Amino acid sequence: MNPVKMYTTQVCPFCQRAKALLRQRGVDSIEEVRVDLDPAQRQAMVELTGRRTVPQIFIGQTYVGGCDELVALDHRGGLAPLLAA
């Protein structure tokens, strides 16, 4: 299974939703980067993605986007193959 990295904050409901969906799809380990605890990590996230909002999700080397993009990817049937790659 491809590793999952997610930029998050503690109180973000979209982060919780994205984590729940990933767990439903069999992901047992998510590398969380808490941008609320380390402003330098938020800046790194912005440089990588061009976005300031969380979550920002990477599966393997693929940038997925935020929660809405993750859900859309799952609905299109693209999440499982990306996780398995």
PDB file of N, CA and C in Angstrom:
ATOM      1  N   MET A   1       0.851  -1.186   0.000  1.00  0.00           N
ATOM      2  CA  MET A   1       0.000   0.000   0.000  1.00  0.00           C
ATOM      3  C   MET A   1       0.887   1.235   0.000  1.00  0.00           C
ATOM      4  N   ASN A   2       0.510   2.210  -0.819  1.00  0.00           N
ATOM      5  CA  ASN A   2       1.232   3.472  -0.869  1.00  0.00           C
ATOM      6  C   ASN A   2       1.099   4.205   0.458  1.00  0.00           C
ATOM      7  N   PRO A   3       2.159   4.887   0.900  1.00  0.00           N
ATOM      8  CA  PRO A   3       2.052   5.668   2.128  1.00  0.00           C
ATOM      9  C   PRO A   3       1.162   6.889   1.916  1.00  0.00           C
ATOM     10  N   VAL A   4       0.488   7.301   2.985  1.00  0.00           N
ATOM     11  CA  VAL A   4      -0.400   8.464   2.945  1.00  0.00           C
ATOM     12  C   VAL A   4       0.166   9.518   3.884  1.00  0.00           C
ATOM     13  N   LYS A   5       0.292  10.725   3.345  1.00  0.00           N
ATOM     14  CA  LYS A   5       0.744  11.872   4.137  1.00  0.00           C
ATOM     15  C   LYS A   5      -0.333  12.927   4.058  1.00  0.00           C
ATOM     16  N   MET A   6      -0.686  13.483   5.221  1.00  0.00           N
ATOM     17  CA  MET A   6      -1.766  14.458   5.259  1.00  0.00           C
ATOM     18  C   MET A   6      -1.373  15.627   6.160  1.00  0.00           C
ATOM     19  N   TYR A   7      -1.467  16.832   5.603  1.00  0.00           N
ATOM     20  CA  TYR A   7      -1.286  18.050   6.388  1.00  0.00           C
ATOM     21  C   TYR A   7      -2.622  18.342   7.056  1.00  0.00           C
ATOM     22  N   THR A   8      -2.619  18.495   8.385  1.00  0.00           N
ATOM     23  CA  THR A   8      -3.855  18.608   9.152  1.00  0.00           C
ATOM     24  C   THR A   8      -3.743  19.650  10.260  1.00  0.00           C
ATOM     25  N   THR A   9      -4.900  19.902  10.881  1.00  0.00           N
ATOM     26  CA  THR A   9      -4.960  20.587  12.172  1.00  0.00           C
ATOM     27  C   THR A   9      -5.825  19.727  13.085  1.00  0.00           C
ATOM     28  N   GLN A  10      -5.765  19.997  14.369  1.00  0.00           N
ATOM     29  CA  GLN A  10      -6.477  19.168  15.327  1.00  0.00           C
ATOM     30  C   GLN A  10      -7.994  19.264  15.196  1.00  0.00           C
ATOM     31  N   VAL A  11      -8.521  20.437  14.922  1.00  0.00           N
ATOM     32  CA  VAL A  11      -9.965  20.641  14.996  1.00  0.00           C
ATOM     33  C   VAL A  11     -10.655  20.682  13.631  1.00  0.00           C
ATOM     34  N   CYS A  12      -9.994  20.282  12.583  1.00  0.00           N
ATOM     35  CA  CYS A  12     -10.538  20.381  11.234  1.00  0.00           C
ATOM     36  C   CYS A  12     -11.504  19.229  10.939  1.00  0.00           C
ATOM     37  N   PRO A  13     -12.796  19.518  10.716  1.00  0.00           N
ATOM     38  CA  PRO A  13     -13.745  18.439  10.422  1.00  0.00           C
ATOM     39  C   PRO A  13     -13.467  17.767   9.067  1.00  0.00           C
ATOM     40  N   PHE A  14     -12.922  18.504   8.121  1.00  0.00           N
ATOM     41  CA  PHE A  14     -12.592  17.915   6.825  1.00  0.00           C
ATOM     42  C   PHE A  14     -11.424  16.943   6.947  1.00  0.00           C
ATOM     43  N   CYS A  15     -10.496  17.247   7.848  1.00  0.00           N
ATOM     44  CA  CYS A  15      -9.386  16.327   8.117  1.00  0.00           C
ATOM     45  C   CYS A  15      -9.918  15.024   8.708  1.00  0.00           C
ATOM     46  N   GLN A  16     -10.854  15.143   9.635  1.00  0.00           N
ATOM     47  CA  GLN A  16     -11.440  13.955  10.255  1.00  0.00           C
ATOM     48  C   GLN A  16     -12.190  13.122   9.223  1.00  0.00           C
ATOM     49  N   ARG A  17     -12.920  13.784   8.344  1.00  0.00           N
ATOM     50  CA  ARG A  17     -13.666  13.068   7.301  1.00  0.00           C
ATOM     51  C   ARG A  17     -12.709  12.345   6.347  1.00  0.00           C
ATOM     52  N   ALA A  18     -11.645  13.013   5.955  1.00  0.00           N
ATOM     53  CA  ALA A  18     -10.677  12.401   5.045  1.00  0.00           C
ATOM     54  C   ALA A  18     -10.004  11.194   5.708  1.00  0.00           C
ATOM     55  N   LYS A  19      -9.629  11.336   6.970  1.00  0.00           N
ATOM     56  CA  LYS A  19      -9.008  10.209   7.682  1.00  0.00           C
ATOM     57  C   LYS A  19      -9.978   9.039   7.794  1.00  0.00           C
ATOM     58  N   ALA A  20     -11.244   9.331   8.065  1.00  0.00           N
ATOM     59  CA  ALA A  20     -12.243   8.263   8.180  1.00  0.00           C
ATOM     60  C   ALA A  20     -12.396   7.517   6.852  1.00  0.00           C
ATOM     61  N   LEU A  21     -12.454   8.242   5.755  1.00  0.00           N
ATOM     62  CA  LEU A  21     -12.579   7.603   4.449  1.00  0.00           C
ATOM     63  C   LEU A  21     -11.362   6.737   4.145  1.00  0.00           C
ATOM     64  N   LEU A  22     -10.183   7.250   4.427  1.00  0.00           N
ATOM     65  CA  LEU A  22      -8.971   6.477   4.179  1.00  0.00           C
ATOM     66  C   LEU A  22      -8.948   5.206   5.027  1.00  0.00           C
ATOM     67  N   ARG A  23      -9.369   5.305   6.272  1.00  0.00           N
ATOM     68  CA  ARG A  23      -9.417   4.105   7.124  1.00  0.00           C
ATOM     69  C   ARG A  23     -10.435   3.100   6.597  1.00  0.00           C
ATOM     70  N   GLN A  24     -11.578   3.589   6.082  1.00  0.00           N
ATOM     71  CA  GLN A  24     -12.571   2.696   5.481  1.00  0.00           C
ATOM     72  C   GLN A  24     -11.999   1.965   4.278  1.00  0.00           C
ATOM     73  N   ARG A  25     -11.049   2.575   3.614  1.00  0.00           N
ATOM     74  CA  ARG A  25     -10.439   1.970   2.426  1.00  0.00           C
ATOM     75  C   ARG A  25      -9.192   1.158   2.764  1.00  0.00           C
ATOM     76  N   GLY A  26      -8.963   0.938   4.060  1.00  0.00           N
ATOM     77  CA  GLY A  26      -7.899   0.029   4.472  1.00  0.00           C
ATOM     78  C   GLY A  26      -6.588   0.663   4.875  1.00  0.00           C
ATOM     79  N   VAL A  27      -6.536   1.971   4.925  1.00  0.00           N
ATOM     80  CA  VAL A  27      -5.302   2.644   5.333  1.00  0.00           C
ATOM     81  C   VAL A  27      -5.197   2.569   6.850  1.00  0.00           C
ATOM     82  N   ASP A  28      -4.105   1.978   7.338  1.00  0.00           N
ATOM     83  CA  ASP A  28      -3.949   1.857   8.792  1.00  0.00           C
ATOM     84  C   ASP A  28      -2.916   2.826   9.353  1.00  0.00           C
ATOM     85  N   SER A  29      -2.190   3.501   8.478  1.00  0.00           N
ATOM     86  CA  SER A  29      -1.176   4.439   8.939  1.00  0.00           C
ATOM     87  C   SER A  29      -1.187   5.691   8.065  1.00  0.00           C
ATOM     88  N   ILE A  30      -1.398   6.822   8.694  1.00  0.00           N
ATOM     89  CA  ILE A  30      -1.382   8.107   8.005  1.00  0.00           C
ATOM     90  C   ILE A  30      -0.320   8.971   8.670  1.00  0.00           C
ATOM     91  N   GLU A  31       0.616   9.455   7.884  1.00  0.00           N
ATOM     92  CA  GLU A  31       1.608  10.393   8.408  1.00  0.00           C
ATOM     93  C   GLU A  31       0.943  11.762   8.467  1.00  0.00           C
ATOM     94  N   GLU A  32       0.658  12.207   9.668  1.00  0.00           N
ATOM     95  CA  GLU A  32       0.010  13.511   9.840  1.00  0.00           C
ATOM     96  C   GLU A  32       1.049  14.574  10.134  1.00  0.00           C
ATOM     97  N   VAL A  33       0.958  15.670   9.401  1.00  0.00           N
ATOM     98  CA  VAL A  33       1.808  16.834   9.639  1.00  0.00           C
ATOM     99  C   VAL A  33       0.886  17.916  10.171  1.00  0.00           C
ATOM    100  N   ARG A  34       1.015  18.217  11.452  1.00  0.00           N
ATOM    101  CA  ARG A  34       0.120  19.161  12.124  1.00  0.00           C
ATOM    102  C   ARG A  34       0.616  20.591  11.900  1.00  0.00           C
ATOM    103  N   VAL A  35      -0.033  21.287  10.989  1.00  0.00           N
ATOM    104  CA  VAL A  35       0.383  22.649  10.674  1.00  0.00           C
ATOM    105  C   VAL A  35      -0.043  23.651  11.741  1.00  0.00           C
ATOM    106  N   ASP A  36      -0.970  23.262  12.623  1.00  0.00           N
ATOM    107  CA  ASP A  36      -1.354  24.150  13.723  1.00  0.00           C
ATOM    108  C   ASP A  36      -0.299  24.175  14.822  1.00  0.00           C
ATOM    109  N   LEU A  37       0.539  23.174  14.867  1.00  0.00           N
ATOM    110  CA  LEU A  37       1.596  23.114  15.883  1.00  0.00           C
ATOM    111  C   LEU A  37       2.919  23.688  15.388  1.00  0.00           C
ATOM    112  N   ASP A  38       3.094  23.753  14.060  1.00  0.00           N
ATOM    113  CA  ASP A  38       4.375  24.184  13.500  1.00  0.00           C
ATOM    114  C   ASP A  38       4.119  25.057  12.266  1.00  0.00           C
ATOM    115  N   PRO A  39       4.178  26.381  12.435  1.00  0.00           N
ATOM    116  CA  PRO A  39       3.923  27.290  11.309  1.00  0.00           C
ATOM    117  C   PRO A  39       4.857  27.046  10.120  1.00  0.00           C
ATOM    118  N   ALA A  40       6.053  26.578  10.364  1.00  0.00           N
ATOM    119  CA  ALA A  40       6.977  26.287   9.265  1.00  0.00           C
ATOM    120  C   ALA A  40       6.433  25.169   8.384  1.00  0.00           C
ATOM    121  N   GLN A  41       5.720  24.224   8.992  1.00  0.00           N
ATOM    122  CA  GLN A  41       5.114  23.142   8.207  1.00  0.00           C
ATOM    123  C   GLN A  41       3.975  23.668   7.338  1.00  0.00           C
ATOM    124  N   ARG A  42       3.233  24.645   7.833  1.00  0.00           N
ATOM    125  CA  ARG A  42       2.180  25.249   7.003  1.00  0.00           C
ATOM    126  C   ARG A  42       2.807  25.918   5.788  1.00  0.00           C
ATOM    127  N   GLN A  43       3.898  26.627   6.005  1.00  0.00           N
ATOM    128  CA  GLN A  43       4.577  27.281   4.885  1.00  0.00           C
ATOM    129  C   GLN A  43       5.091  26.241   3.882  1.00  0.00           C
ATOM    130  N   ALA A  44       5.632  25.143   4.378  1.00  0.00           N
ATOM    131  CA  ALA A  44       6.089  24.072   3.487  1.00  0.00           C
ATOM    132  C   ALA A  44       4.914  23.498   2.699  1.00  0.00           C
ATOM    133  N   MET A  45       3.764  23.339   3.354  1.00  0.00           N
ATOM    134  CA  MET A  45       2.566  22.836   2.683  1.00  0.00           C
ATOM    135  C   MET A  45       2.141  23.782   1.565  1.00  0.00           C
ATOM    136  N   VAL A  46       2.135  25.074   1.841  1.00  0.00           N
ATOM    137  CA  VAL A  46       1.741  26.067   0.841  1.00  0.00           C
ATOM    138  C   VAL A  46       2.693  26.020  -0.350  1.00  0.00           C
ATOM    139  N   GLU A  47       3.968  25.884  -0.078  1.00  0.00           N
ATOM    140  CA  GLU A  47       4.948  25.811  -1.166  1.00  0.00           C
ATOM    141  C   GLU A  47       4.747  24.562  -2.016  1.00  0.00           C
ATOM    142  N   LEU A  48       4.383  23.445  -1.387  1.00  0.00           N
ATOM    143  CA  LEU A  48       4.158  22.192  -2.120  1.00  0.00           C
ATOM    144  C   LEU A  48       2.868  22.194  -2.922  1.00  0.00           C
ATOM    145  N   THR A  49       1.816  22.768  -2.349  1.00  0.00           N
ATOM    146  CA  THR A  49       0.488  22.605  -2.926  1.00  0.00           C
ATOM    147  C   THR A  49      -0.110  23.881  -3.515  1.00  0.00           C
ATOM    148  N   GLY A  50       0.381  25.033  -3.074  1.00  0.00           N
ATOM    149  CA  GLY A  50      -0.225  26.288  -3.480  1.00  0.00           C
ATOM    150  C   GLY A  50      -1.507  26.600  -2.720  1.00  0.00           C
ATOM    151  N   ARG A  51      -1.812  25.824  -1.702  1.00  0.00           N
ATOM    152  CA  ARG A  51      -3.037  26.003  -0.909  1.00  0.00           C
ATOM    153  C   ARG A  51      -2.709  26.207   0.558  1.00  0.00           C
ATOM    154  N   ARG A  52      -3.591  26.947   1.237  1.00  0.00           N
ATOM    155  CA  ARG A  52      -3.402  27.231   2.664  1.00  0.00           C
ATOM    156  C   ARG A  52      -4.339  26.417   3.549  1.00  0.00           C
ATOM    157  N   THR A  53      -5.342  25.777   2.955  1.00  0.00           N
ATOM    158  CA  THR A  53      -6.345  25.058   3.744  1.00  0.00           C
ATOM    159  C   THR A  53      -5.925  23.611   3.974  1.00  0.00           C
ATOM    160  N   VAL A  54      -6.491  23.020   5.012  1.00  0.00           N
ATOM    161  CA  VAL A  54      -6.250  21.612   5.316  1.00  0.00           C
ATOM    162  C   VAL A  54      -7.556  20.858   5.180  1.00  0.00           C
ATOM    163  N   PRO A  55      -7.494  19.572   4.925  1.00  0.00           N
ATOM    164  CA  PRO A  55      -6.288  18.782   4.745  1.00  0.00           C
ATOM    165  C   PRO A  55      -5.713  18.953   3.337  1.00  0.00           C
ATOM    166  N   GLN A  56      -4.443  18.645   3.223  1.00  0.00           N
ATOM    167  CA  GLN A  56      -3.786  18.482   1.936  1.00  0.00           C
ATOM    168  C   GLN A  56      -3.194  17.077   1.974  1.00  0.00           C
ATOM    169  N   ILE A  57      -3.541  16.274   0.984  1.00  0.00           N
ATOM    170  CA  ILE A  57      -3.297  14.832   1.048  1.00  0.00           C
ATOM    171  C   ILE A  57      -2.393  14.383  -0.090  1.00  0.00           C
ATOM    172  N   PHE A  58      -1.404  13.581   0.268  1.00  0.00           N
ATOM    173  CA  PHE A  58      -0.519  12.933  -0.693  1.00  0.00           C
ATOM    174  C   PHE A  58      -0.641  11.431  -0.503  1.00  0.00           C
ATOM    175  N   ILE A  59      -0.760  10.699  -1.594  1.00  0.00           N
ATOM    176  CA  ILE A  59      -0.736   9.233  -1.560  1.00  0.00           C
ATOM    177  C   ILE A  59       0.443   8.815  -2.414  1.00  0.00           C
ATOM    178  N   GLY A  60       1.434   8.224  -1.753  1.00  0.00           N
ATOM    179  CA  GLY A  60       2.697   7.967  -2.446  1.00  0.00           C
ATOM    180  C   GLY A  60       3.260   9.303  -2.896  1.00  0.00           C
ATOM    181  N   GLN A  61       3.630   9.402  -4.162  1.00  0.00           N
ATOM    182  CA  GLN A  61       4.153  10.650  -4.719  1.00  0.00           C
ATOM    183  C   GLN A  61       3.061  11.505  -5.353  1.00  0.00           C
ATOM    184  N   THR A  62       1.805  11.060  -5.292  1.00  0.00           N
ATOM    185  CA  THR A  62       0.699  11.743  -5.953  1.00  0.00           C
ATOM    186  C   THR A  62       0.015  12.713  -5.003  1.00  0.00           C
ATOM    187  N   TYR A  63      -0.093  13.962  -5.448  1.00  0.00           N
ATOM    188  CA  TYR A  63      -0.829  14.963  -4.690  1.00  0.00           C
ATOM    189  C   TYR A  63      -2.301  14.816  -5.044  1.00  0.00           C
ATOM    190  N   VAL A  64      -3.127  14.495  -4.047  1.00  0.00           N
ATOM    191  CA  VAL A  64      -4.558  14.277  -4.257  1.00  0.00           C
ATOM    192  C   VAL A  64      -5.327  15.587  -4.146  1.00  0.00           C
ATOM    193  N   GLY A  65      -4.976  16.425  -3.194  1.00  0.00           N
ATOM    194  CA  GLY A  65      -5.706  17.660  -2.926  1.00  0.00           C
ATOM    195  C   GLY A  65      -6.290  17.606  -1.529  1.00  0.00           C
ATOM    196  N   GLY A  66      -7.471  18.198  -1.386  1.00  0.00           N
ATOM    197  CA  GLY A  66      -8.124  18.236  -0.085  1.00  0.00           C
ATOM    198  C   GLY A  66      -9.166  17.145   0.064  1.00  0.00           C
ATOM    199  N   CYS A  67     -10.018  17.310   1.051  1.00  0.00           N
ATOM    200  CA  CYS A  67     -11.044  16.310   1.354  1.00  0.00           C
ATOM    201  C   CYS A  67     -12.011  16.129   0.187  1.00  0.00           C
ATOM    202  N   ASP A  68     -12.459  17.229  -0.413  1.00  0.00           N
ATOM    203  CA  ASP A  68     -13.411  17.122  -1.527  1.00  0.00           C
ATOM    204  C   ASP A  68     -12.811  16.343  -2.693  1.00  0.00           C
ATOM    205  N   GLU A  69     -11.547  16.598  -2.991  1.00  0.00           N
ATOM    206  CA  GLU A  69     -10.879  15.882  -4.076  1.00  0.00           C
ATOM    207  C   GLU A  69     -10.703  14.404  -3.749  1.00  0.00           C
ATOM    208  N   LEU A  70     -10.428  14.105  -2.473  1.00  0.00           N
ATOM    209  CA  LEU A  70     -10.293  12.714  -2.049  1.00  0.00           C
ATOM    210  C   LEU A  70     -11.616  11.972  -2.214  1.00  0.00           C
ATOM    211  N   VAL A  71     -12.712  12.583  -1.786  1.00  0.00           N
ATOM    212  CA  VAL A  71     -14.035  11.967  -1.914  1.00  0.00           C
ATOM    213  C   VAL A  71     -14.381  11.768  -3.388  1.00  0.00           C
ATOM    214  N   ALA A  72     -14.110  12.778  -4.210  1.00  0.00           N
ATOM    215  CA  ALA A  72     -14.397  12.667  -5.644  1.00  0.00           C
ATOM    216  C   ALA A  72     -13.566  11.547  -6.279  1.00  0.00           C
ATOM    217  N   LEU A  73     -12.316  11.443  -5.893  1.00  0.00           N
ATOM    218  CA  LEU A  73     -11.448  10.379  -6.404  1.00  0.00           C
ATOM    219  C   LEU A  73     -12.013   9.011  -6.035  1.00  0.00           C
ATOM    220  N   ASP A  74     -12.497   8.892  -4.808  1.00  0.00           N
ATOM    221  CA  ASP A  74     -13.092   7.635  -4.366  1.00  0.00           C
ATOM    222  C   ASP A  74     -14.352   7.318  -5.165  1.00  0.00           C
ATOM    223  N   HIS A  75     -15.195   8.316  -5.394  1.00  0.00           N
ATOM    224  CA  HIS A  75     -16.449   8.104  -6.152  1.00  0.00           C
ATOM    225  C   HIS A  75     -16.170   7.682  -7.594  1.00  0.00           C
ATOM    226  N   ARG A  76     -15.061   8.188  -8.158  1.00  0.00           N
ATOM    227  CA  ARG A  76     -14.685   7.823  -9.535  1.00  0.00           C
ATOM    228  C   ARG A  76     -14.029   6.440  -9.602  1.00  0.00           C
ATOM    229  N   GLY A  77     -13.751   5.857  -8.430  1.00  0.00           N
ATOM    230  CA  GLY A  77     -13.098   4.559  -8.404  1.00  0.00           C
ATOM    231  C   GLY A  77     -11.586   4.636  -8.495  1.00  0.00           C
ATOM    232  N   GLY A  78     -11.026   5.815  -8.291  1.00  0.00           N
ATOM    233  CA  GLY A  78      -9.589   5.986  -8.418  1.00  0.00           C
ATOM    234  C   GLY A  78      -8.790   5.871  -7.141  1.00  0.00           C
ATOM    235  N   LEU A  79      -9.463   5.882  -6.001  1.00  0.00           N
ATOM    236  CA  LEU A  79      -8.736   5.859  -4.735  1.00  0.00           C
ATOM    237  C   LEU A  79      -8.115   4.501  -4.464  1.00  0.00           C
ATOM    238  N   ALA A  80      -8.865   3.439  -4.598  1.00  0.00           N
ATOM    239  CA  ALA A  80      -8.340   2.105  -4.295  1.00  0.00           C
ATOM    240  C   ALA A  80      -7.103   1.768  -5.132  1.00  0.00           C
ATOM    241  N   PRO A  81      -7.121   2.003  -6.458  1.00  0.00           N
ATOM    242  CA  PRO A  81      -5.916   1.700  -7.238  1.00  0.00           C
ATOM    243  C   PRO A  81      -4.722   2.565  -6.838  1.00  0.00           C
ATOM    244  N   LEU A  82      -4.972   3.822  -6.482  1.00  0.00           N
ATOM    245  CA  LEU A  82      -3.883   4.691  -6.067  1.00  0.00           C
ATOM    246  C   LEU A  82      -3.280   4.213  -4.743  1.00  0.00           C
ATOM    247  N   LEU A  83      -4.126   3.795  -3.835  1.00  0.00           N
ATOM    248  CA  LEU A  83      -3.628   3.261  -2.561  1.00  0.00           C
ATOM    249  C   LEU A  83      -2.836   1.980  -2.774  1.00  0.00           C
ATOM    250  N   ALA A  84      -3.293   1.143  -3.699  1.00  0.00           N
ATOM    251  CA  ALA A  84      -2.663  -0.162  -3.912  1.00  0.00           C
ATOM    252  C   ALA A  84      -1.389  -0.090  -4.734  1.00  0.00           C
ATOM    253  N   ALA A  85      -1.212   0.972  -5.494  1.00  0.00           N
ATOM    254  CA  ALA A  85      -0.071   1.069  -6.422  1.00  0.00           C
ATOM    255  C   ALA A  85       1.258   0.942  -5.712  1.00  0.00           C
TER     256      ALA A  85
END
